[in-house]
Amino acid sequence: LYAATKRANELMAHCYAHLYGIPVTG
């Protein structure tokens, strides 16, 4: 589950980068 939450963070970050133009690096 730890790994799943970290992968989820990556997907969430992409959504916000795409929708709002926030530069995000994981």
mmCIF file of all heavy atoms, coordinates in Angstrom:
data_MODEL
# 
_entry.id   MODEL 
# 
loop_
_atom_site.group_PDB 
_atom_site.id 
_atom_site.type_symbol 
_atom_site.label_atom_id 
_atom_site.label_alt_id 
_atom_site.label_comp_id 
_atom_site.label_asym_id 
_atom_site.label_entity_id 
_atom_site.label_seq_id 
_atom_site.pdbx_PDB_ins_code 
_atom_site.Cartn_x 
_atom_site.Cartn_y 
_atom_site.Cartn_z 
_atom_site.occupancy 
_atom_site.B_iso_or_equiv 
_atom_site.pdbx_formal_charge 
_atom_site.auth_seq_id 
_atom_site.auth_comp_id 
_atom_site.auth_asym_id 
_atom_site.auth_atom_id 
_atom_site.pdbx_PDB_model_num 
ATOM 1   N N   . LEU A 1 1  ? 0.833  -1.202 0.000   1.00 0.00 ? 1  LEU A N   1 
ATOM 2   C CA  . LEU A 1 1  ? 0.000  0.000  0.000   1.00 0.00 ? 1  LEU A CA  1 
ATOM 3   C C   . LEU A 1 1  ? 0.869  1.254  0.000   1.00 0.00 ? 1  LEU A C   1 
ATOM 4   O O   . LEU A 1 1  ? 0.521  2.257  -0.636  1.00 0.00 ? 1  LEU A O   1 
ATOM 5   C CB  . LEU A 1 1  ? -0.939 0.006  1.200   1.00 0.00 ? 1  LEU A CB  1 
ATOM 6   C CG  . LEU A 1 1  ? -1.897 1.198  1.245   1.00 0.00 ? 1  LEU A CG  1 
ATOM 7   C CD1 . LEU A 1 1  ? -2.844 1.191  0.056   1.00 0.00 ? 1  LEU A CD1 1 
ATOM 8   C CD2 . LEU A 1 1  ? -2.673 1.226  2.552   1.00 0.00 ? 1  LEU A CD2 1 
ATOM 9   N N   . TYR A 1 2  ? 1.988  1.218  0.704   1.00 0.00 ? 2  TYR A N   1 
ATOM 10  C CA  . TYR A 1 2  ? 2.903  2.360  0.674   1.00 0.00 ? 2  TYR A CA  1 
ATOM 11  C C   . TYR A 1 2  ? 3.269  2.699  -0.773  1.00 0.00 ? 2  TYR A C   1 
ATOM 12  O O   . TYR A 1 2  ? 3.192  3.861  -1.189  1.00 0.00 ? 2  TYR A O   1 
ATOM 13  C CB  . TYR A 1 2  ? 4.162  2.042  1.478   1.00 0.00 ? 2  TYR A CB  1 
ATOM 14  C CG  . TYR A 1 2  ? 5.275  3.040  1.255   1.00 0.00 ? 2  TYR A CG  1 
ATOM 15  C CD1 . TYR A 1 2  ? 5.172  4.340  1.729   1.00 0.00 ? 2  TYR A CD1 1 
ATOM 16  C CD2 . TYR A 1 2  ? 6.426  2.679  0.552   1.00 0.00 ? 2  TYR A CD2 1 
ATOM 17  C CE1 . TYR A 1 2  ? 6.179  5.265  1.518   1.00 0.00 ? 2  TYR A CE1 1 
ATOM 18  C CE2 . TYR A 1 2  ? 7.440  3.598  0.335   1.00 0.00 ? 2  TYR A CE2 1 
ATOM 19  C CZ  . TYR A 1 2  ? 7.316  4.886  0.814   1.00 0.00 ? 2  TYR A CZ  1 
ATOM 20  O OH  . TYR A 1 2  ? 8.316  5.800  0.594   1.00 0.00 ? 2  TYR A OH  1 
ATOM 21  N N   . ALA A 1 3  ? 3.676  1.695  -1.535  1.00 0.00 ? 3  ALA A N   1 
ATOM 22  C CA  . ALA A 1 3  ? 4.045  1.920  -2.928  1.00 0.00 ? 3  ALA A CA  1 
ATOM 23  C C   . ALA A 1 3  ? 2.867  2.447  -3.736  1.00 0.00 ? 3  ALA A C   1 
ATOM 24  O O   . ALA A 1 3  ? 3.019  3.332  -4.589  1.00 0.00 ? 3  ALA A O   1 
ATOM 25  C CB  . ALA A 1 3  ? 4.579  0.628  -3.532  1.00 0.00 ? 3  ALA A CB  1 
ATOM 26  N N   . ALA A 1 4  ? 1.680  1.918  -3.470  1.00 0.00 ? 4  ALA A N   1 
ATOM 27  C CA  . ALA A 1 4  ? 0.489  2.362  -4.198  1.00 0.00 ? 4  ALA A CA  1 
ATOM 28  C C   . ALA A 1 4  ? 0.201  3.836  -3.936  1.00 0.00 ? 4  ALA A C   1 
ATOM 29  O O   . ALA A 1 4  ? -0.179 4.582  -4.850  1.00 0.00 ? 4  ALA A O   1 
ATOM 30  C CB  . ALA A 1 4  ? -0.715 1.510  -3.810  1.00 0.00 ? 4  ALA A CB  1 
ATOM 31  N N   . THR A 1 5  ? 0.395  4.294  -2.683  1.00 0.00 ? 5  THR A N   1 
ATOM 32  C CA  . THR A 1 5  ? 0.153  5.709  -2.395  1.00 0.00 ? 5  THR A CA  1 
ATOM 33  C C   . THR A 1 5  ? 1.174  6.593  -3.093  1.00 0.00 ? 5  THR A C   1 
ATOM 34  O O   . THR A 1 5  ? 0.846  7.697  -3.549  1.00 0.00 ? 5  THR A O   1 
ATOM 35  C CB  . THR A 1 5  ? 0.161  5.994  -0.886  1.00 0.00 ? 5  THR A CB  1 
ATOM 36  O OG1 . THR A 1 5  ? 1.447  5.686  -0.325  1.00 0.00 ? 5  THR A OG1 1 
ATOM 37  C CG2 . THR A 1 5  ? -0.914 5.205  -0.167  1.00 0.00 ? 5  THR A CG2 1 
ATOM 38  N N   . LYS A 1 6  ? 2.399  6.127  -3.213  1.00 0.00 ? 6  LYS A N   1 
ATOM 39  C CA  . LYS A 1 6  ? 3.422  6.914  -3.898  1.00 0.00 ? 6  LYS A CA  1 
ATOM 40  C C   . LYS A 1 6  ? 3.150  6.990  -5.404  1.00 0.00 ? 6  LYS A C   1 
ATOM 41  O O   . LYS A 1 6  ? 3.350  8.032  -6.039  1.00 0.00 ? 6  LYS A O   1 
ATOM 42  C CB  . LYS A 1 6  ? 4.811  6.339  -3.615  1.00 0.00 ? 6  LYS A CB  1 
ATOM 43  C CG  . LYS A 1 6  ? 5.309  6.607  -2.214  1.00 0.00 ? 6  LYS A CG  1 
ATOM 44  C CD  . LYS A 1 6  ? 5.389  8.103  -1.945  1.00 0.00 ? 6  LYS A CD  1 
ATOM 45  C CE  . LYS A 1 6  ? 5.989  8.445  -0.609  1.00 0.00 ? 6  LYS A CE  1 
ATOM 46  N NZ  . LYS A 1 6  ? 6.091  9.910  -0.403  1.00 0.00 ? 6  LYS A NZ  1 
ATOM 47  N N   . ARG A 1 7  ? 2.700  5.894  -5.975  1.00 0.00 ? 7  ARG A N   1 
ATOM 48  C CA  . ARG A 1 7  ? 2.329  5.925  -7.392  1.00 0.00 ? 7  ARG A CA  1 
ATOM 49  C C   . ARG A 1 7  ? 1.120  6.828  -7.597  1.00 0.00 ? 7  ARG A C   1 
ATOM 50  O O   . ARG A 1 7  ? 1.038  7.576  -8.585  1.00 0.00 ? 7  ARG A O   1 
ATOM 51  C CB  . ARG A 1 7  ? 2.023  4.510  -7.894  1.00 0.00 ? 7  ARG A CB  1 
ATOM 52  C CG  . ARG A 1 7  ? 1.671  4.436  -9.373  1.00 0.00 ? 7  ARG A CG  1 
ATOM 53  C CD  . ARG A 1 7  ? 2.858  4.774  -10.258 1.00 0.00 ? 7  ARG A CD  1 
ATOM 54  N NE  . ARG A 1 7  ? 2.490  4.736  -11.675 1.00 0.00 ? 7  ARG A NE  1 
ATOM 55  C CZ  . ARG A 1 7  ? 2.551  5.776  -12.498 1.00 0.00 ? 7  ARG A CZ  1 
ATOM 56  N NH1 . ARG A 1 7  ? 2.989  6.952  -12.047 1.00 0.00 ? 7  ARG A NH1 1 
ATOM 57  N NH2 . ARG A 1 7  ? 2.201  5.663  -13.752 1.00 0.00 ? 7  ARG A NH2 1 
ATOM 58  N N   . ALA A 1 8  ? 0.190  6.797  -6.649  1.00 0.00 ? 8  ALA A N   1 
ATOM 59  C CA  . ALA A 1 8  ? -0.965 7.687  -6.726  1.00 0.00 ? 8  ALA A CA  1 
ATOM 60  C C   . ALA A 1 8  ? -0.528 9.150  -6.689  1.00 0.00 ? 8  ALA A C   1 
ATOM 61  O O   . ALA A 1 8  ? -1.083 9.998  -7.399  1.00 0.00 ? 8  ALA A O   1 
ATOM 62  C CB  . ALA A 1 8  ? -1.934 7.396  -5.581  1.00 0.00 ? 8  ALA A CB  1 
ATOM 63  N N   . ASN A 1 9  ? 0.473  9.465  -5.871  1.00 0.00 ? 9  ASN A N   1 
ATOM 64  C CA  . ASN A 1 9  ? 0.997  10.837 -5.834  1.00 0.00 ? 9  ASN A CA  1 
ATOM 65  C C   . ASN A 1 9  ? 1.475  11.281 -7.205  1.00 0.00 ? 9  ASN A C   1 
ATOM 66  O O   . ASN A 1 9  ? 1.238  12.423 -7.630  1.00 0.00 ? 9  ASN A O   1 
ATOM 67  C CB  . ASN A 1 9  ? 2.164  10.930 -4.851  1.00 0.00 ? 9  ASN A CB  1 
ATOM 68  C CG  . ASN A 1 9  ? 1.761  10.882 -3.393  1.00 0.00 ? 9  ASN A CG  1 
ATOM 69  O OD1 . ASN A 1 9  ? 2.616  10.790 -2.520  1.00 0.00 ? 9  ASN A OD1 1 
ATOM 70  N ND2 . ASN A 1 9  ? 0.465  10.919 -3.104  1.00 0.00 ? 9  ASN A ND2 1 
ATOM 71  N N   . GLU A 1 10 ? 2.146  10.382 -7.912  1.00 0.00 ? 10 GLU A N   1 
ATOM 72  C CA  . GLU A 1 10 ? 2.645  10.726 -9.246  1.00 0.00 ? 10 GLU A CA  1 
ATOM 73  C C   . GLU A 1 10 ? 1.499  11.046 -10.200 1.00 0.00 ? 10 GLU A C   1 
ATOM 74  O O   . GLU A 1 10 ? 1.570  11.997 -10.996 1.00 0.00 ? 10 GLU A O   1 
ATOM 75  C CB  . GLU A 1 10 ? 3.495  9.574  -9.788  1.00 0.00 ? 10 GLU A CB  1 
ATOM 76  C CG  . GLU A 1 10 ? 4.754  9.309  -8.974  1.00 0.00 ? 10 GLU A CG  1 
ATOM 77  C CD  . GLU A 1 10 ? 5.523  8.079  -9.418  1.00 0.00 ? 10 GLU A CD  1 
ATOM 78  O OE1 . GLU A 1 10 ? 5.028  7.353  -10.318 1.00 0.00 ? 10 GLU A OE1 1 
ATOM 79  O OE2 . GLU A 1 10 ? 6.609  7.823  -8.882  1.00 0.00 ? 10 GLU A OE2 1 
ATOM 80  N N   . LEU A 1 11 ? 0.432  10.274 -10.127 1.00 0.00 ? 11 LEU A N   1 
ATOM 81  C CA  . LEU A 1 11 ? -0.719 10.493 -11.006 1.00 0.00 ? 11 LEU A CA  1 
ATOM 82  C C   . LEU A 1 11 ? -1.458 11.774 -10.624 1.00 0.00 ? 11 LEU A C   1 
ATOM 83  O O   . LEU A 1 11 ? -1.897 12.539 -11.493 1.00 0.00 ? 11 LEU A O   1 
ATOM 84  C CB  . LEU A 1 11 ? -1.654 9.284  -10.939 1.00 0.00 ? 11 LEU A CB  1 
ATOM 85  C CG  . LEU A 1 11 ? -1.043 7.954  -11.375 1.00 0.00 ? 11 LEU A CG  1 
ATOM 86  C CD1 . LEU A 1 11 ? -2.033 6.816  -11.139 1.00 0.00 ? 11 LEU A CD1 1 
ATOM 87  C CD2 . LEU A 1 11 ? -0.628 7.984  -12.833 1.00 0.00 ? 11 LEU A CD2 1 
ATOM 88  N N   . MET A 1 12 ? -1.601 12.006 -9.325  1.00 0.00 ? 12 MET A N   1 
ATOM 89  C CA  . MET A 1 12 ? -2.241 13.237 -8.868  1.00 0.00 ? 12 MET A CA  1 
ATOM 90  C C   . MET A 1 12 ? -1.441 14.460 -9.312  1.00 0.00 ? 12 MET A C   1 
ATOM 91  O O   . MET A 1 12 ? -2.000 15.474 -9.752  1.00 0.00 ? 12 MET A O   1 
ATOM 92  C CB  . MET A 1 12 ? -2.363 13.220 -7.338  1.00 0.00 ? 12 MET A CB  1 
ATOM 93  C CG  . MET A 1 12 ? -3.310 12.142 -6.802  1.00 0.00 ? 12 MET A CG  1 
ATOM 94  S SD  . MET A 1 12 ? -3.044 11.795 -5.037  1.00 0.00 ? 12 MET A SD  1 
ATOM 95  C CE  . MET A 1 12 ? -3.680 13.308 -4.293  1.00 0.00 ? 12 MET A CE  1 
ATOM 96  N N   . ALA A 1 13 ? -0.114 14.362 -9.204  1.00 0.00 ? 13 ALA A N   1 
ATOM 97  C CA  . ALA A 1 13 ? 0.742  15.474 -9.600  1.00 0.00 ? 13 ALA A CA  1 
ATOM 98  C C   . ALA A 1 13 ? 0.589  15.784 -11.079 1.00 0.00 ? 13 ALA A C   1 
ATOM 99  O O   . ALA A 1 13 ? 0.548  16.951 -11.485 1.00 0.00 ? 13 ALA A O   1 
ATOM 100 C CB  . ALA A 1 13 ? 2.198  15.147 -9.271  1.00 0.00 ? 13 ALA A CB  1 
ATOM 101 N N   . HIS A 1 14 ? 0.494  14.745 -11.896 1.00 0.00 ? 14 HIS A N   1 
ATOM 102 C CA  . HIS A 1 14 ? 0.313  14.990 -13.326 1.00 0.00 ? 14 HIS A CA  1 
ATOM 103 C C   . HIS A 1 14 ? -1.005 15.704 -13.601 1.00 0.00 ? 14 HIS A C   1 
ATOM 104 O O   . HIS A 1 14 ? -1.072 16.618 -14.436 1.00 0.00 ? 14 HIS A O   1 
ATOM 105 C CB  . HIS A 1 14 ? 0.371  13.687 -14.126 1.00 0.00 ? 14 HIS A CB  1 
ATOM 106 C CG  . HIS A 1 14 ? 0.253  13.924 -15.603 1.00 0.00 ? 14 HIS A CG  1 
ATOM 107 N ND1 . HIS A 1 14 ? -0.965 13.936 -16.252 1.00 0.00 ? 14 HIS A ND1 1 
ATOM 108 C CD2 . HIS A 1 14 ? 1.191  14.216 -16.539 1.00 0.00 ? 14 HIS A CD2 1 
ATOM 109 C CE1 . HIS A 1 14 ? -0.774 14.202 -17.533 1.00 0.00 ? 14 HIS A CE1 1 
ATOM 110 N NE2 . HIS A 1 14 ? 0.524  14.379 -17.730 1.00 0.00 ? 14 HIS A NE2 1 
ATOM 111 N N   . CYS A 1 15 ? -2.057 15.302 -12.921 1.00 0.00 ? 15 CYS A N   1 
ATOM 112 C CA  . CYS A 1 15 ? -3.353 15.964 -13.104 1.00 0.00 ? 15 CYS A CA  1 
ATOM 113 C C   . CYS A 1 15 ? -3.255 17.463 -12.819 1.00 0.00 ? 15 CYS A C   1 
ATOM 114 O O   . CYS A 1 15 ? -3.748 18.290 -13.599 1.00 0.00 ? 15 CYS A O   1 
ATOM 115 C CB  . CYS A 1 15 ? -4.406 15.340 -12.188 1.00 0.00 ? 15 CYS A CB  1 
ATOM 116 S SG  . CYS A 1 15 ? -4.938 13.697 -12.653 1.00 0.00 ? 15 CYS A SG  1 
ATOM 117 N N   . TYR A 1 16 ? -2.618 17.828 -11.707 1.00 0.00 ? 16 TYR A N   1 
ATOM 118 C CA  . TYR A 1 16 ? -2.520 19.245 -11.356 1.00 0.00 ? 16 TYR A CA  1 
ATOM 119 C C   . TYR A 1 16 ? -1.584 19.997 -12.299 1.00 0.00 ? 16 TYR A C   1 
ATOM 120 O O   . TYR A 1 16 ? -1.828 21.173 -12.612 1.00 0.00 ? 16 TYR A O   1 
ATOM 121 C CB  . TYR A 1 16 ? -2.080 19.390 -9.895  1.00 0.00 ? 16 TYR A CB  1 
ATOM 122 C CG  . TYR A 1 16 ? -3.254 19.429 -8.955  1.00 0.00 ? 16 TYR A CG  1 
ATOM 123 C CD1 . TYR A 1 16 ? -4.007 18.276 -8.702  1.00 0.00 ? 16 TYR A CD1 1 
ATOM 124 C CD2 . TYR A 1 16 ? -3.648 20.607 -8.344  1.00 0.00 ? 16 TYR A CD2 1 
ATOM 125 C CE1 . TYR A 1 16 ? -5.094 18.303 -7.860  1.00 0.00 ? 16 TYR A CE1 1 
ATOM 126 C CE2 . TYR A 1 16 ? -4.743 20.651 -7.491  1.00 0.00 ? 16 TYR A CE2 1 
ATOM 127 C CZ  . TYR A 1 16 ? -5.467 19.485 -7.259  1.00 0.00 ? 16 TYR A CZ  1 
ATOM 128 O OH  . TYR A 1 16 ? -6.567 19.525 -6.422  1.00 0.00 ? 16 TYR A OH  1 
ATOM 129 N N   . ALA A 1 17 ? -0.523 19.337 -12.744 1.00 0.00 ? 17 ALA A N   1 
ATOM 130 C CA  . ALA A 1 17 ? 0.354  19.978 -13.726 1.00 0.00 ? 17 ALA A CA  1 
ATOM 131 C C   . ALA A 1 17 ? -0.400 20.229 -15.029 1.00 0.00 ? 17 ALA A C   1 
ATOM 132 O O   . ALA A 1 17 ? -0.266 21.286 -15.657 1.00 0.00 ? 17 ALA A O   1 
ATOM 133 C CB  . ALA A 1 17 ? 1.581  19.106 -13.970 1.00 0.00 ? 17 ALA A CB  1 
ATOM 134 N N   . HIS A 1 18 ? -1.206 19.262 -15.431 1.00 0.00 ? 18 HIS A N   1 
ATOM 135 C CA  . HIS A 1 18 ? -1.967 19.371 -16.682 1.00 0.00 ? 18 HIS A CA  1 
ATOM 136 C C   . HIS A 1 18 ? -3.093 20.398 -16.571 1.00 0.00 ? 18 HIS A C   1 
ATOM 137 O O   . HIS A 1 18 ? -3.263 21.251 -17.460 1.00 0.00 ? 18 HIS A O   1 
ATOM 138 C CB  . HIS A 1 18 ? -2.543 18.005 -17.045 1.00 0.00 ? 18 HIS A CB  1 
ATOM 139 C CG  . HIS A 1 18 ? -3.494 18.035 -18.209 1.00 0.00 ? 18 HIS A CG  1 
ATOM 140 N ND1 . HIS A 1 18 ? -3.070 18.164 -19.505 1.00 0.00 ? 18 HIS A ND1 1 
ATOM 141 C CD2 . HIS A 1 18 ? -4.848 17.987 -18.247 1.00 0.00 ? 18 HIS A CD2 1 
ATOM 142 C CE1 . HIS A 1 18 ? -4.124 18.183 -20.310 1.00 0.00 ? 18 HIS A CE1 1 
ATOM 143 N NE2 . HIS A 1 18 ? -5.213 18.067 -19.564 1.00 0.00 ? 18 HIS A NE2 1 
ATOM 144 N N   . LEU A 1 19 ? -3.849 20.348 -15.497 1.00 0.00 ? 19 LEU A N   1 
ATOM 145 C CA  . LEU A 1 19 ? -5.023 21.212 -15.363 1.00 0.00 ? 19 LEU A CA  1 
ATOM 146 C C   . LEU A 1 19 ? -4.665 22.657 -15.045 1.00 0.00 ? 19 LEU A C   1 
ATOM 147 O O   . LEU A 1 19 ? -5.305 23.591 -15.534 1.00 0.00 ? 19 LEU A O   1 
ATOM 148 C CB  . LEU A 1 19 ? -5.941 20.672 -14.269 1.00 0.00 ? 19 LEU A CB  1 
ATOM 149 C CG  . LEU A 1 19 ? -6.664 19.348 -14.577 1.00 0.00 ? 19 LEU A CG  1 
ATOM 150 C CD1 . LEU A 1 19 ? -7.351 18.839 -13.324 1.00 0.00 ? 19 LEU A CD1 1 
ATOM 151 C CD2 . LEU A 1 19 ? -7.672 19.540 -15.704 1.00 0.00 ? 19 LEU A CD2 1 
ATOM 152 N N   . TYR A 1 20 ? -3.626 22.851 -14.196 1.00 0.00 ? 20 TYR A N   1 
ATOM 153 C CA  . TYR A 1 20 ? -3.358 24.182 -13.663 1.00 0.00 ? 20 TYR A CA  1 
ATOM 154 C C   . TYR A 1 20 ? -1.985 24.730 -14.028 1.00 0.00 ? 20 TYR A C   1 
ATOM 155 O O   . TYR A 1 20 ? -1.643 25.841 -13.618 1.00 0.00 ? 20 TYR A O   1 
ATOM 156 C CB  . TYR A 1 20 ? -3.523 24.174 -12.137 1.00 0.00 ? 20 TYR A CB  1 
ATOM 157 C CG  . TYR A 1 20 ? -4.847 23.598 -11.693 1.00 0.00 ? 20 TYR A CG  1 
ATOM 158 C CD1 . TYR A 1 20 ? -4.908 22.410 -10.974 1.00 0.00 ? 20 TYR A CD1 1 
ATOM 159 C CD2 . TYR A 1 20 ? -6.045 24.226 -12.023 1.00 0.00 ? 20 TYR A CD2 1 
ATOM 160 C CE1 . TYR A 1 20 ? -6.119 21.870 -10.575 1.00 0.00 ? 20 TYR A CE1 1 
ATOM 161 C CE2 . TYR A 1 20 ? -7.270 23.696 -11.629 1.00 0.00 ? 20 TYR A CE2 1 
ATOM 162 C CZ  . TYR A 1 20 ? -7.300 22.512 -10.913 1.00 0.00 ? 20 TYR A CZ  1 
ATOM 163 O OH  . TYR A 1 20 ? -8.504 21.983 -10.526 1.00 0.00 ? 20 TYR A OH  1 
ATOM 164 N N   . GLY A 1 21 ? -1.203 23.942 -14.766 1.00 0.00 ? 21 GLY A N   1 
ATOM 165 C CA  . GLY A 1 21 ? 0.098  24.433 -15.197 1.00 0.00 ? 21 GLY A CA  1 
ATOM 166 C C   . GLY A 1 21 ? 1.138  24.537 -14.107 1.00 0.00 ? 21 GLY A C   1 
ATOM 167 O O   . GLY A 1 21 ? 2.130  25.259 -14.251 1.00 0.00 ? 21 GLY A O   1 
ATOM 168 N N   . ILE A 1 22 ? 0.947  23.813 -12.987 1.00 0.00 ? 22 ILE A N   1 
ATOM 169 C CA  . ILE A 1 22 ? 1.925  23.839 -11.899 1.00 0.00 ? 22 ILE A CA  1 
ATOM 170 C C   . ILE A 1 22 ? 3.116  22.949 -12.276 1.00 0.00 ? 22 ILE A C   1 
ATOM 171 O O   . ILE A 1 22 ? 2.940  21.746 -12.485 1.00 0.00 ? 22 ILE A O   1 
ATOM 172 C CB  . ILE A 1 22 ? 1.308  23.315 -10.586 1.00 0.00 ? 22 ILE A CB  1 
ATOM 173 C CG1 . ILE A 1 22 ? 0.072  24.120 -10.197 1.00 0.00 ? 22 ILE A CG1 1 
ATOM 174 C CG2 . ILE A 1 22 ? 2.339  23.327 -9.468  1.00 0.00 ? 22 ILE A CG2 1 
ATOM 175 C CD1 . ILE A 1 22 ? -0.732 23.487 -9.095  1.00 0.00 ? 22 ILE A CD1 1 
ATOM 176 N N   . PRO A 1 23 ? 4.323  23.498 -12.369 1.00 0.00 ? 23 PRO A N   1 
ATOM 177 C CA  . PRO A 1 23 ? 5.483  22.643 -12.638 1.00 0.00 ? 23 PRO A CA  1 
ATOM 178 C C   . PRO A 1 23 ? 5.740  21.692 -11.463 1.00 0.00 ? 23 PRO A C   1 
ATOM 179 O O   . PRO A 1 23 ? 5.910  22.136 -10.326 1.00 0.00 ? 23 PRO A O   1 
ATOM 180 C CB  . PRO A 1 23 ? 6.630  23.641 -12.806 1.00 0.00 ? 23 PRO A CB  1 
ATOM 181 C CG  . PRO A 1 23 ? 5.966  24.939 -13.151 1.00 0.00 ? 23 PRO A CG  1 
ATOM 182 C CD  . PRO A 1 23 ? 4.681  24.928 -12.367 1.00 0.00 ? 23 PRO A CD  1 
ATOM 183 N N   . VAL A 1 24 ? 5.743  20.411 -11.755 1.00 0.00 ? 24 VAL A N   1 
ATOM 184 C CA  . VAL A 1 24 ? 5.826  19.397 -10.701 1.00 0.00 ? 24 VAL A CA  1 
ATOM 185 C C   . VAL A 1 24 ? 6.871  18.351 -11.087 1.00 0.00 ? 24 VAL A C   1 
ATOM 186 O O   . VAL A 1 24 ? 6.848  17.815 -12.192 1.00 0.00 ? 24 VAL A O   1 
ATOM 187 C CB  . VAL A 1 24 ? 4.465  18.700 -10.485 1.00 0.00 ? 24 VAL A CB  1 
ATOM 188 C CG1 . VAL A 1 24 ? 4.572  17.679 -9.365  1.00 0.00 ? 24 VAL A CG1 1 
ATOM 189 C CG2 . VAL A 1 24 ? 3.380  19.709 -10.157 1.00 0.00 ? 24 VAL A CG2 1 
ATOM 190 N N   . THR A 1 25 ? 7.765  18.049 -10.133 1.00 0.00 ? 25 THR A N   1 
ATOM 191 C CA  . THR A 1 25 ? 8.786  17.022 -10.345 1.00 0.00 ? 25 THR A CA  1 
ATOM 192 C C   . THR A 1 25 ? 8.729  16.015 -9.212  1.00 0.00 ? 25 THR A C   1 
ATOM 193 O O   . THR A 1 25 ? 8.805  16.382 -8.033  1.00 0.00 ? 25 THR A O   1 
ATOM 194 C CB  . THR A 1 25 ? 10.199 17.635 -10.393 1.00 0.00 ? 25 THR A CB  1 
ATOM 195 O OG1 . THR A 1 25 ? 10.262 18.610 -11.430 1.00 0.00 ? 25 THR A OG1 1 
ATOM 196 C CG2 . THR A 1 25 ? 11.236 16.549 -10.667 1.00 0.00 ? 25 THR A CG2 1 
ATOM 197 N N   . GLY A 1 26 ? 8.610  14.733 -9.570  1.00 0.00 ? 26 GLY A N   1 
ATOM 198 C CA  . GLY A 1 26 ? 8.635  13.653 -8.585  1.00 0.00 ? 26 GLY A CA  1 
ATOM 199 C C   . GLY A 1 26 ? 9.975  12.943 -8.596  1.00 0.00 ? 26 GLY A C   1 
ATOM 200 O O   . GLY A 1 26 ? 10.557 12.714 -9.664  1.00 0.00 ? 26 GLY A O   1 
# 
